[in-house]
């Protein structure tokens, strides 16, 4: 019975750590977003939080990939939206361009592709998506720096 208990604990502990990390990160995004008046609790950032706590050693979880990916994604989305509008073809082009640029620059961060599409669909203040990308990425990096030693027993970032 103790072997079964150890096996269950070994499986559930990483699941619990992931849940705690994503939940705490989401709360930090909501709190900071509320304080600065920006929508930080959005799907791409929740996905980033998941990567940071499920695979903290991944190059995709590195700060340069998180910040660079979301920033690049927002800039591509704003540019493509300004040039071509919100047509499906423009959205496909923006996602393709952002993916290729991220990979070419070695900052691939898949959740940031969603940031590209959200930025493309924004109207009004063209700098808002870039500001949101920077604020959200910074919040997630700080949250991981605080949470990683507590949840995973090691510092974040694992790699730059």
C-alpha atoms as a PDB file:
ATOM      1  CA  UNK A   1       0.000   0.000   0.000  1.00  0.00           C
ATOM      2  CA  UNK A   2       2.853   2.420   0.683  1.00  0.00           C
ATOM      3  CA  UNK A   3       4.152   1.938  -2.881  1.00  0.00           C
ATOM      4  CA  UNK A   4       0.730   2.913  -4.257  1.00  0.00           C
ATOM      5  CA  UNK A   5       0.590   5.926  -1.955  1.00  0.00           C
ATOM      6  CA  UNK A   6       4.062   7.068  -3.085  1.00  0.00           C
ATOM      7  CA  UNK A   7       3.074   6.573  -6.705  1.00  0.00           C
ATOM      8  CA  UNK A   8      -0.096   8.635  -6.289  1.00  0.00           C
ATOM      9  CA  UNK A   9       1.783  11.342  -4.385  1.00  0.00           C
ATOM     10  CA  UNK A  10       4.530  11.430  -7.019  1.00  0.00           C
ATOM     11  CA  UNK A  11       1.871  11.965  -9.697  1.00  0.00           C
ATOM     12  CA  UNK A  12      -0.340  14.430  -7.835  1.00  0.00           C
ATOM     13  CA  UNK A  13       2.378  16.669  -6.416  1.00  0.00           C
ATOM     14  CA  UNK A  14       3.419  18.127  -9.809  1.00  0.00           C
ATOM     15  CA  UNK A  15      -0.269  18.529 -10.685  1.00  0.00           C
ATOM     16  CA  UNK A  16      -0.872  20.457  -7.472  1.00  0.00           C
ATOM     17  CA  UNK A  17       2.231  22.598  -8.058  1.00  0.00           C
ATOM     18  CA  UNK A  18       1.053  23.420 -11.567  1.00  0.00           C
ATOM     19  CA  UNK A  19      -2.397  24.352 -10.314  1.00  0.00           C
ATOM     20  CA  UNK A  20      -1.005  26.531  -7.542  1.00  0.00           C
ATOM     21  CA  UNK A  21       1.391  28.264  -9.945  1.00  0.00           C
ATOM     22  CA  UNK A  22      -1.222  28.954 -12.611  1.00  0.00           C
ATOM     23  CA  UNK A  23      -3.789  30.061 -10.019  1.00  0.00           C
ATOM     24  CA  UNK A  24      -1.401  32.399  -8.227  1.00  0.00           C
ATOM     25  CA  UNK A  25      -0.148  33.795 -11.530  1.00  0.00           C
ATOM     26  CA  UNK A  26      -3.718  34.442 -12.689  1.00  0.00           C
ATOM     27  CA  UNK A  27      -4.473  36.263  -9.438  1.00  0.00           C
ATOM     28  CA  UNK A  28      -1.324  38.376  -9.881  1.00  0.00           C
ATOM     29  CA  UNK A  29      -2.345  39.224 -13.453  1.00  0.00           C
ATOM     30  CA  UNK A  30      -5.838  40.198 -12.303  1.00  0.00           C
ATOM     31  CA  UNK A  31      -4.542  42.306  -9.402  1.00  0.00           C
ATOM     32  CA  UNK A  32      -1.883  44.157 -11.381  1.00  0.00           C
ATOM     33  CA  UNK A  33      -4.172  44.545 -14.370  1.00  0.00           C
ATOM     34  CA  UNK A  34      -6.827  46.060 -12.118  1.00  0.00           C
ATOM     35  CA  UNK A  35      -4.298  48.394 -10.522  1.00  0.00           C
ATOM     36  CA  UNK A  36      -3.004  49.711 -13.852  1.00  0.00           C
ATOM     37  CA  UNK A  37      -6.320  49.542 -15.713  1.00  0.00           C
ATOM     38  CA  UNK A  38      -5.177  47.028 -18.332  1.00  0.00           C
ATOM     39  CA  UNK A  39      -6.655  43.641 -19.289  1.00  0.00           C
ATOM     40  CA  UNK A  40      -3.835  41.346 -18.160  1.00  0.00           C
ATOM     41  CA  UNK A  41      -5.855  38.245 -17.291  1.00  0.00           C
ATOM     42  CA  UNK A  42      -6.159  37.021 -20.872  1.00  0.00           C
ATOM     43  CA  UNK A  43      -5.850  33.560 -22.397  1.00  0.00           C
ATOM     44  CA  UNK A  44      -2.283  33.867 -23.764  1.00  0.00           C
ATOM     45  CA  UNK A  45      -0.948  34.822 -20.326  1.00  0.00           C
ATOM     46  CA  UNK A  46      -2.765  31.944 -18.620  1.00  0.00           C
ATOM     47  CA  UNK A  47      -1.142  29.621 -21.163  1.00  0.00           C
ATOM     48  CA  UNK A  48       2.242  31.201 -20.433  1.00  0.00           C
ATOM     49  CA  UNK A  49       1.738  30.602 -16.700  1.00  0.00           C
ATOM     50  CA  UNK A  50       1.020  26.960 -17.450  1.00  0.00           C
ATOM     51  CA  UNK A  51       4.238  26.531 -19.441  1.00  0.00           C
ATOM     52  CA  UNK A  52       6.257  28.273 -16.739  1.00  0.00           C
ATOM     53  CA  UNK A  53       5.059  25.852 -14.059  1.00  0.00           C
ATOM     54  CA  UNK A  54       4.703  22.665 -16.112  1.00  0.00           C
ATOM     55  CA  UNK A  55       8.000  22.935 -17.992  1.00  0.00           C
ATOM     56  CA  UNK A  56      10.181  25.590 -16.317  1.00  0.00           C
ATOM     57  CA  UNK A  57      13.326  24.167 -17.965  1.00  0.00           C
ATOM     58  CA  UNK A  58      11.932  24.641 -21.468  1.00  0.00           C
ATOM     59  CA  UNK A  59      13.456  27.368 -23.641  1.00  0.00           C
ATOM     60  CA  UNK A  60       9.847  28.467 -24.213  1.00  0.00           C
ATOM     61  CA  UNK A  61       9.580  29.309 -20.498  1.00  0.00           C
ATOM     62  CA  UNK A  62      12.748  31.435 -20.474  1.00  0.00           C
ATOM     63  CA  UNK A  63      12.224  35.149 -19.769  1.00  0.00           C
ATOM     64  CA  UNK A  64      13.563  36.178 -23.172  1.00  0.00           C
ATOM     65  CA  UNK A  65      11.025  33.910 -24.895  1.00  0.00           C
ATOM     66  CA  UNK A  66       8.162  35.111 -22.719  1.00  0.00           C
ATOM     67  CA  UNK A  67       8.897  38.832 -23.013  1.00  0.00           C
ATOM     68  CA  UNK A  68      10.232  38.688 -26.558  1.00  0.00           C
ATOM     69  CA  UNK A  69       7.460  36.434 -27.800  1.00  0.00           C
ATOM     70  CA  UNK A  70       4.585  38.456 -26.358  1.00  0.00           C
ATOM     71  CA  UNK A  71       6.158  41.776 -27.372  1.00  0.00           C
ATOM     72  CA  UNK A  72       6.901  40.601 -30.909  1.00  0.00           C
ATOM     73  CA  UNK A  73       3.443  39.034 -31.190  1.00  0.00           C
ATOM     74  CA  UNK A  74       1.755  42.271 -30.126  1.00  0.00           C
ATOM     75  CA  UNK A  75       3.814  44.355 -32.540  1.00  0.00           C
ATOM     76  CA  UNK A  76       3.126  42.024 -35.475  1.00  0.00           C
ATOM     77  CA  UNK A  77      -0.584  41.993 -34.641  1.00  0.00           C
ATOM     78  CA  UNK A  78      -0.801  45.786 -34.452  1.00  0.00           C
ATOM     79  CA  UNK A  79       1.138  46.209 -37.717  1.00  0.00           C
ATOM     80  CA  UNK A  80      -0.831  43.620 -39.679  1.00  0.00           C
ATOM     81  CA  UNK A  81      -4.131  44.900 -38.287  1.00  0.00           C
ATOM     82  CA  UNK A  82      -3.260  48.478 -39.281  1.00  0.00           C
ATOM     83  CA  UNK A  83      -2.244  47.409 -42.784  1.00  0.00           C
ATOM     84  CA  UNK A  84      -4.810  44.733 -43.608  1.00  0.00           C
ATOM     85  CA  UNK A  85      -7.636  44.877 -41.065  1.00  0.00           C
ATOM     86  CA  UNK A  86      -9.175  41.869 -39.359  1.00  0.00           C
ATOM     87  CA  UNK A  87      -9.889  39.590 -42.299  1.00  0.00           C
ATOM     88  CA  UNK A  88      -9.226  35.897 -41.809  1.00  0.00           C
ATOM     89  CA  UNK A  89      -6.375  36.033 -44.317  1.00  0.00           C
ATOM     90  CA  UNK A  90      -4.735  38.874 -42.357  1.00  0.00           C
ATOM     91  CA  UNK A  91      -5.086  36.901 -39.120  1.00  0.00           C
ATOM     92  CA  UNK A  92      -3.534  33.818 -40.713  1.00  0.00           C
ATOM     93  CA  UNK A  93      -0.693  35.927 -42.102  1.00  0.00           C
ATOM     94  CA  UNK A  94      -0.078  37.586 -38.710  1.00  0.00           C
ATOM     95  CA  UNK A  95       0.038  34.247 -36.883  1.00  0.00           C
ATOM     96  CA  UNK A  96       2.372  32.821 -39.526  1.00  0.00           C
ATOM     97  CA  UNK A  97       4.687  35.838 -39.522  1.00  0.00           C
ATOM     98  CA  UNK A  98       4.856  36.002 -35.715  1.00  0.00           C
ATOM     99  CA  UNK A  99       5.599  32.275 -35.467  1.00  0.00           C
ATOM    100  CA  UNK A 100       8.360  32.441 -38.030  1.00  0.00           C
ATOM    101  CA  UNK A 101       9.927  35.569 -36.543  1.00  0.00           C
ATOM    102  CA  UNK A 102       9.884  34.096 -33.038  1.00  0.00           C
ATOM    103  CA  UNK A 103      11.497  30.893 -34.217  1.00  0.00           C
ATOM    104  CA  UNK A 104      14.068  32.760 -36.292  1.00  0.00           C
ATOM    105  CA  UNK A 105      14.964  34.960 -33.314  1.00  0.00           C
ATOM    106  CA  UNK A 106      15.031  31.914 -31.000  1.00  0.00           C
ATOM    107  CA  UNK A 107      12.269  33.317 -28.778  1.00  0.00           C
ATOM    108  CA  UNK A 108       9.468  30.939 -29.752  1.00  0.00           C
ATOM    109  CA  UNK A 109       6.668  31.152 -27.212  1.00  0.00           C
ATOM    110  CA  UNK A 110       3.453  29.549 -28.563  1.00  0.00           C
ATOM    111  CA  UNK A 111       1.011  31.451 -26.289  1.00  0.00           C
ATOM    112  CA  UNK A 112       2.340  34.665 -27.825  1.00  0.00           C
ATOM    113  CA  UNK A 113       0.833  33.669 -31.168  1.00  0.00           C
ATOM    114  CA  UNK A 114      -2.541  34.224 -29.509  1.00  0.00           C
ATOM    115  CA  UNK A 115      -1.273  37.626 -28.352  1.00  0.00           C
ATOM    116  CA  UNK A 116      -0.671  38.406 -32.043  1.00  0.00           C
ATOM    117  CA  UNK A 117      -4.308  37.751 -32.900  1.00  0.00           C
ATOM    118  CA  UNK A 118      -5.642  39.673 -29.900  1.00  0.00           C
ATOM    119  CA  UNK A 119      -3.448  42.660 -30.824  1.00  0.00           C
ATOM    120  CA  UNK A 120      -4.651  42.492 -34.427  1.00  0.00           C
ATOM    121  CA  UNK A 121      -8.266  42.693 -33.277  1.00  0.00           C
ATOM    122  CA  UNK A 122      -7.749  45.764 -31.076  1.00  0.00           C
ATOM    123  CA  UNK A 123      -9.255  49.067 -32.083  1.00  0.00           C
ATOM    124  CA  UNK A 124      -8.366  52.524 -30.860  1.00  0.00           C
ATOM    125  CA  UNK A 125      -5.096  52.914 -28.991  1.00  0.00           C
ATOM    126  CA  UNK A 126      -2.571  51.040 -31.131  1.00  0.00           C
ATOM    127  CA  UNK A 127      -0.004  50.963 -28.295  1.00  0.00           C
ATOM    128  CA  UNK A 128      -2.333  49.230 -25.821  1.00  0.00           C
ATOM    129  CA  UNK A 129      -1.525  45.687 -27.054  1.00  0.00           C
ATOM    130  CA  UNK A 130       2.210  46.377 -26.733  1.00  0.00           C
ATOM    131  CA  UNK A 131       1.755  47.809 -23.243  1.00  0.00           C
ATOM    132  CA  UNK A 132      -0.409  44.842 -22.223  1.00  0.00           C
ATOM    133  CA  UNK A 133       2.157  42.403 -23.646  1.00  0.00           C
ATOM    134  CA  UNK A 134       4.980  43.996 -21.665  1.00  0.00           C
ATOM    135  CA  UNK A 135       2.998  44.343 -18.431  1.00  0.00           C
ATOM    136  CA  UNK A 136       1.643  40.786 -18.631  1.00  0.00           C
ATOM    137  CA  UNK A 137       5.008  39.231 -19.446  1.00  0.00           C
ATOM    138  CA  UNK A 138       6.716  41.185 -16.653  1.00  0.00           C
ATOM    139  CA  UNK A 139       4.026  40.137 -14.178  1.00  0.00           C
ATOM    140  CA  UNK A 140       4.439  36.485 -15.128  1.00  0.00           C
ATOM    141  CA  UNK A 141       8.225  36.621 -14.833  1.00  0.00           C
ATOM    142  CA  UNK A 142       8.018  38.230 -11.392  1.00  0.00           C
ATOM    143  CA  UNK A 143       5.366  35.729 -10.300  1.00  0.00           C
ATOM    144  CA  UNK A 144       7.550  32.831 -11.431  1.00  0.00           C
ATOM    145  CA  UNK A 145      10.565  34.293  -9.629  1.00  0.00           C
ATOM    146  CA  UNK A 146       8.553  34.359  -6.387  1.00  0.00           C
ATOM    147  CA  UNK A 147       6.631  31.097  -6.863  1.00  0.00           C
ATOM    148  CA  UNK A 148       9.276  28.805  -8.323  1.00  0.00           C
ATOM    149  CA  UNK A 149      11.382  28.442  -5.160  1.00  0.00           C
ATOM    150  CA  UNK A 150       8.227  27.850  -3.129  1.00  0.00           C
ATOM    151  CA  UNK A 151       6.517  25.409  -5.503  1.00  0.00           C
ATOM    152  CA  UNK A 152       9.394  23.766  -7.341  1.00  0.00           C
ATOM    153  CA  UNK A 153      12.261  24.145  -4.893  1.00  0.00           C
ATOM    154  CA  UNK A 154      14.490  25.962  -7.380  1.00  0.00           C
ATOM    155  CA  UNK A 155      14.897  29.473  -8.690  1.00  0.00           C
ATOM    156  CA  UNK A 156      13.387  30.850 -11.861  1.00  0.00           C
ATOM    157  CA  UNK A 157      14.626  31.464 -14.472  1.00  0.00           C
ATOM    158  CA  UNK A 158      16.280  28.182 -15.231  1.00  0.00           C
ATOM    159  CA  UNK A 159      17.789  29.722 -18.380  1.00  0.00           C
ATOM    160  CA  UNK A 160      17.832  33.176 -19.911  1.00  0.00           C
END
